[in-house]
Amino acid sequence: MIGVDNNFRKYRRALAGRRIPPLTLDNKWYQLFKQADVTDKVKTYEEEVNELLKEQAKLTMEYKNLKKVKGTLMDGILNAMDKINEDEDDFASRVRSEQKRLLEEVNEKMEEKEERLSELPKEIDEANVELMLITMNIFYERFVNNMEEIKEIDQWVNEVRAELKKNLIIKQDKETESVELYSYMHDIFGPKILEIFDLRYDFKGKKEELMARKTAQREEEQKRRKRS
């Protein structure tokens, strides 16, 4: 088993005694990696956890089957003992001896599987903790990077918003000033003289826009007076 970065070691003490279900059995763990690439370390521990879980399932099934065989052999031996008599022939004796031998063999195999089954939970837990620590490291780094980028974007947005607000005020001031200037010139010099200069400065479209704004401003002023 390969070890994870030493920075993870301190977290193991905090996790001691905590039951963490195998991550590879949780579909949400796989959903996490739709947000990031699966690294070689993740693949290594994912495979290790899965292999250990497969071994555990296989041994559990084999142990159950051996337990059934043991029960059958025990029943056969007990039935044979009930039928023992002085005239027992060699064949019956050999059958009983074979059953005892098989029972000893089954018991031996069961002990081996019990021993391995007792070791597996610890091995699964160790590999699973390693996988969890690697996963947490990947996504906490991603989380921190996202937060830093969000902070930078927020700062940019605030700066742009301030600049936009300033430019909108400037724009409104320029529009108001332009309307007032044109209005004063219109009143002082009259529309015919202004038309000559409108043509000179290609101001026809701008003139219509300014006059529309002037009308809008007058209407707004009238509304304010009525409200007051």
Protein backbone atom coordinates (compact mmCIF):
# COMPACT_ATOMS: atom_id res chain seq x y z
CA MET A 1 0.00 0.00 0.00
CA ILE A 2 1.46 3.37 -0.98
CA GLY A 3 1.22 6.17 1.57
CA VAL A 4 -0.32 9.57 1.11
CA ASP A 5 1.38 12.91 1.72
CA ASN A 6 2.71 13.49 5.23
CA ASN A 7 0.39 16.49 5.55
CA PHE A 8 -2.44 13.97 5.90
CA ARG A 9 -0.97 12.18 8.92
CA LYS A 10 -2.44 14.55 11.51
CA TYR A 11 -5.95 13.88 10.23
CA ARG A 12 -5.71 10.16 10.93
CA ARG A 13 -5.66 10.79 14.69
CA ALA A 14 -8.87 12.83 14.38
CA LEU A 15 -10.45 10.01 12.35
CA ALA A 16 -9.41 7.25 14.76
CA GLY A 17 -12.42 5.18 15.81
CA ARG A 18 -14.74 6.76 13.26
CA ARG A 19 -16.57 4.41 10.92
CA ILE A 20 -16.29 5.55 7.31
CA PRO A 21 -18.35 3.46 4.87
CA PRO A 22 -16.41 2.37 1.75
CA LEU A 23 -16.40 5.31 -0.64
CA THR A 24 -16.43 3.12 -3.73
CA LEU A 25 -19.89 1.85 -2.75
CA ASP A 26 -21.29 5.38 -2.68
CA ASN A 27 -22.48 6.75 -6.03
CA LYS A 28 -22.14 10.31 -4.71
CA TRP A 29 -18.38 9.77 -4.40
CA TYR A 30 -18.24 9.03 -8.13
CA GLN A 31 -20.38 12.12 -8.80
CA LEU A 32 -17.68 14.22 -7.10
CA PHE A 33 -15.21 13.31 -9.81
CA LYS A 34 -17.43 14.77 -12.50
CA GLN A 35 -16.00 18.04 -11.15
CA ALA A 36 -12.33 16.97 -11.37
CA ASP A 37 -10.04 14.46 -13.05
CA VAL A 38 -9.39 11.14 -11.32
CA THR A 39 -5.71 11.05 -10.34
CA ASP A 40 -3.45 7.97 -10.37
CA LYS A 41 -3.50 7.90 -6.55
CA VAL A 42 -7.29 7.91 -6.50
CA LYS A 43 -7.37 5.06 -9.04
CA THR A 44 -4.86 3.06 -6.99
CA TYR A 45 -6.84 3.26 -3.76
CA GLU A 46 -10.17 2.86 -5.52
CA GLU A 47 -8.94 -0.42 -7.00
CA GLU A 48 -7.47 -1.54 -3.66
CA VAL A 49 -10.70 -0.89 -1.77
CA ASN A 50 -12.74 -2.68 -4.45
CA GLU A 51 -10.40 -5.69 -4.52
CA LEU A 52 -10.54 -6.03 -0.73
CA LEU A 53 -14.34 -5.76 -0.77
CA LYS A 54 -14.52 -8.46 -3.46
CA GLU A 55 -12.24 -10.69 -1.42
CA GLN A 56 -14.38 -10.14 1.67
CA ALA A 57 -17.59 -11.00 -0.21
CA LYS A 58 -15.99 -14.11 -1.76
CA LEU A 59 -14.63 -15.37 1.57
CA THR A 60 -17.94 -14.71 3.32
CA MET A 61 -19.77 -16.80 0.73
CA GLU A 62 -17.16 -19.57 0.91
CA TYR A 63 -17.37 -19.58 4.72
CA LYS A 64 -21.16 -19.94 4.59
CA ASN A 65 -20.85 -22.85 2.15
CA LEU A 66 -18.25 -24.55 4.36
CA LYS A 67 -20.55 -24.09 7.35
CA LYS A 68 -23.29 -25.93 5.44
CA VAL A 69 -20.87 -28.74 4.51
CA LYS A 70 -19.77 -28.98 8.14
CA GLY A 71 -23.39 -29.31 9.24
CA THR A 72 -23.98 -32.10 6.73
CA LEU A 73 -20.82 -33.97 7.86
CA MET A 74 -21.74 -33.59 11.52
CA ASP A 75 -25.21 -34.99 10.84
CA GLY A 76 -23.63 -37.92 8.96
CA ILE A 77 -21.22 -38.69 11.78
CA LEU A 78 -23.94 -38.48 14.44
CA ASN A 79 -26.22 -40.76 12.40
CA ALA A 80 -23.37 -43.24 11.93
CA MET A 81 -22.64 -43.24 15.67
CA ASP A 82 -26.29 -44.05 16.42
CA LYS A 83 -26.01 -47.13 14.20
CA ILE A 84 -22.75 -48.42 15.62
CA ASN A 85 -22.91 -52.07 16.73
CA GLU A 86 -20.51 -54.87 17.36
CA ASP A 87 -20.97 -56.24 13.85
CA GLU A 88 -19.92 -52.98 12.11
CA ASP A 89 -18.10 -53.86 8.92
CA ASP A 90 -14.90 -52.29 7.62
CA PHE A 91 -16.74 -50.24 4.96
CA ALA A 92 -18.91 -48.44 7.51
CA SER A 93 -15.84 -47.79 9.62
CA ARG A 94 -13.97 -46.39 6.63
CA VAL A 95 -16.93 -44.14 5.73
CA ARG A 96 -17.03 -42.78 9.27
CA SER A 97 -13.28 -42.18 9.25
CA GLU A 98 -13.50 -40.37 5.91
CA GLN A 99 -16.28 -38.18 7.26
CA LYS A 100 -14.14 -37.26 10.27
CA ARG A 101 -11.19 -36.48 7.99
CA LEU A 102 -13.36 -34.26 5.81
CA LEU A 103 -14.75 -32.54 8.91
CA GLU A 104 -11.22 -31.77 10.11
CA GLU A 105 -10.36 -30.41 6.66
CA VAL A 106 -13.48 -28.24 6.62
CA ASN A 107 -12.72 -26.95 10.12
CA GLU A 108 -9.19 -26.07 9.04
CA LYS A 109 -10.44 -24.20 5.97
CA MET A 110 -13.05 -22.39 8.07
CA GLU A 111 -10.37 -21.27 10.52
CA GLU A 112 -8.25 -19.93 7.66
CA LYS A 113 -11.18 -17.99 6.25
CA GLU A 114 -12.19 -16.72 9.71
CA GLU A 115 -8.67 -15.44 10.25
CA ARG A 116 -8.58 -13.68 6.90
CA LEU A 117 -12.11 -12.29 7.39
CA SER A 118 -11.03 -10.86 10.74
CA GLU A 119 -8.10 -9.05 9.03
CA LEU A 120 -10.02 -7.63 6.10
CA PRO A 121 -12.10 -4.93 7.88
CA LYS A 122 -8.92 -3.23 9.11
CA GLU A 123 -7.29 -3.41 5.64
CA ILE A 124 -10.46 -2.09 3.98
CA ASP A 125 -10.69 0.72 6.52
CA GLU A 126 -7.03 1.70 6.04
CA ALA A 127 -7.33 1.82 2.24
CA ASN A 128 -10.67 3.63 2.50
CA VAL A 129 -9.21 6.27 4.86
CA GLU A 130 -6.33 6.83 2.42
CA LEU A 131 -8.85 7.24 -0.41
CA MET A 132 -10.91 9.64 1.68
CA LEU A 133 -7.88 11.80 2.58
CA ILE A 134 -6.76 12.01 -1.05
CA THR A 135 -10.32 12.89 -2.11
CA MET A 136 -10.64 15.56 0.59
CA ASN A 137 -7.28 17.05 -0.40
CA ILE A 138 -8.27 17.27 -4.08
CA PHE A 139 -11.62 18.92 -3.47
CA TYR A 140 -10.61 21.19 -0.60
CA GLU A 141 -7.81 22.54 -2.80
CA ARG A 142 -10.38 23.02 -5.57
CA PHE A 143 -12.76 24.66 -3.08
CA VAL A 144 -10.06 27.05 -1.83
CA ASN A 145 -9.04 27.91 -5.42
CA ASN A 146 -12.67 28.56 -6.30
CA MET A 147 -13.08 30.86 -3.30
CA GLU A 148 -9.95 32.80 -4.27
CA GLU A 149 -11.22 33.18 -7.83
CA ILE A 150 -14.64 34.24 -6.55
CA LYS A 151 -12.95 36.87 -4.38
CA GLU A 152 -10.99 38.19 -7.38
CA ILE A 153 -14.10 38.24 -9.56
CA ASP A 154 -16.08 40.00 -6.81
CA GLN A 155 -13.35 42.62 -6.58
CA TRP A 156 -13.41 43.07 -10.38
CA VAL A 157 -17.21 43.30 -10.40
CA ASN A 158 -17.16 45.92 -7.62
CA GLU A 159 -14.55 47.95 -9.48
CA VAL A 160 -16.48 47.70 -12.75
CA ARG A 161 -19.72 48.54 -10.94
CA ALA A 162 -18.12 51.66 -9.41
CA GLU A 163 -16.68 52.65 -12.78
CA LEU A 164 -20.03 51.98 -14.46
CA LYS A 165 -21.86 54.06 -11.86
CA LYS A 166 -19.39 56.91 -12.34
CA ASN A 167 -19.70 56.75 -16.14
CA LEU A 168 -23.50 56.62 -15.95
CA ILE A 169 -23.48 59.80 -13.88
CA ILE A 170 -21.10 61.43 -16.36
CA LYS A 171 -23.33 60.25 -19.24
CA GLN A 172 -26.45 61.65 -17.56
CA ASP A 173 -24.68 64.94 -16.86
CA LYS A 174 -23.51 65.18 -20.49
CA GLU A 175 -26.99 64.41 -21.76
CA THR A 176 -28.54 67.03 -19.49
CA GLU A 177 -25.91 69.58 -20.47
CA SER A 178 -26.41 68.85 -24.20
CA VAL A 179 -30.19 69.21 -23.94
CA GLU A 180 -29.83 72.50 -22.08
CA LEU A 181 -27.21 73.87 -24.53
CA TYR A 182 -29.31 73.02 -27.59
CA SER A 183 -32.44 74.34 -25.91
CA TYR A 184 -30.77 77.66 -25.09
CA MET A 185 -29.35 78.00 -28.62
CA HIS A 186 -32.75 77.10 -30.05
CA ASP A 187 -34.41 79.83 -27.97
CA ILE A 188 -31.68 82.42 -28.65
CA PHE A 189 -30.95 81.88 -32.34
CA GLY A 190 -34.17 80.29 -33.55
CA PRO A 191 -34.76 77.02 -35.41
CA LYS A 192 -33.82 78.30 -38.91
CA ILE A 193 -30.30 79.34 -37.90
CA LEU A 194 -29.81 76.11 -35.94
CA GLU A 195 -30.82 74.10 -39.00
CA ILE A 196 -27.87 75.60 -40.91
CA PHE A 197 -25.49 74.46 -38.20
CA ASP A 198 -27.30 71.12 -37.84
CA LEU A 199 -26.44 70.43 -41.49
CA ARG A 200 -22.87 71.66 -41.03
CA TYR A 201 -22.26 69.29 -38.11
CA ASP A 202 -24.47 66.44 -39.41
CA PHE A 203 -26.62 66.97 -36.36
CA LYS A 204 -30.04 65.98 -37.66
CA GLY A 205 -30.33 62.63 -35.85
CA LYS A 206 -28.73 64.01 -32.70
CA LYS A 207 -31.10 66.95 -32.77
CA GLU A 208 -34.16 64.69 -32.74
CA GLU A 209 -32.68 62.71 -29.85
CA LEU A 210 -31.91 65.87 -27.87
CA MET A 211 -35.37 67.31 -28.48
CA ALA A 212 -36.94 64.03 -27.36
CA ARG A 213 -34.89 64.16 -24.17
CA LYS A 214 -35.87 67.79 -23.66
CA THR A 215 -39.54 66.84 -23.96
CA ALA A 216 -39.04 63.95 -21.52
CA GLN A 217 -37.32 66.24 -19.02
CA ARG A 218 -40.17 68.77 -19.19
CA GLU A 219 -42.75 66.03 -18.65
CA GLU A 220 -40.78 64.72 -15.66
CA GLU A 221 -40.58 68.22 -14.18
CA GLN A 222 -44.34 68.66 -14.61
CA LYS A 223 -44.97 65.36 -12.83
CA ARG A 224 -42.72 66.41 -9.94
CA ARG A 225 -44.59 69.70 -9.59
CA LYS A 226 -47.93 67.90 -9.53
CA ARG A 227 -46.67 65.45 -6.87
CA SER A 228 -45.37 68.32 -4.74
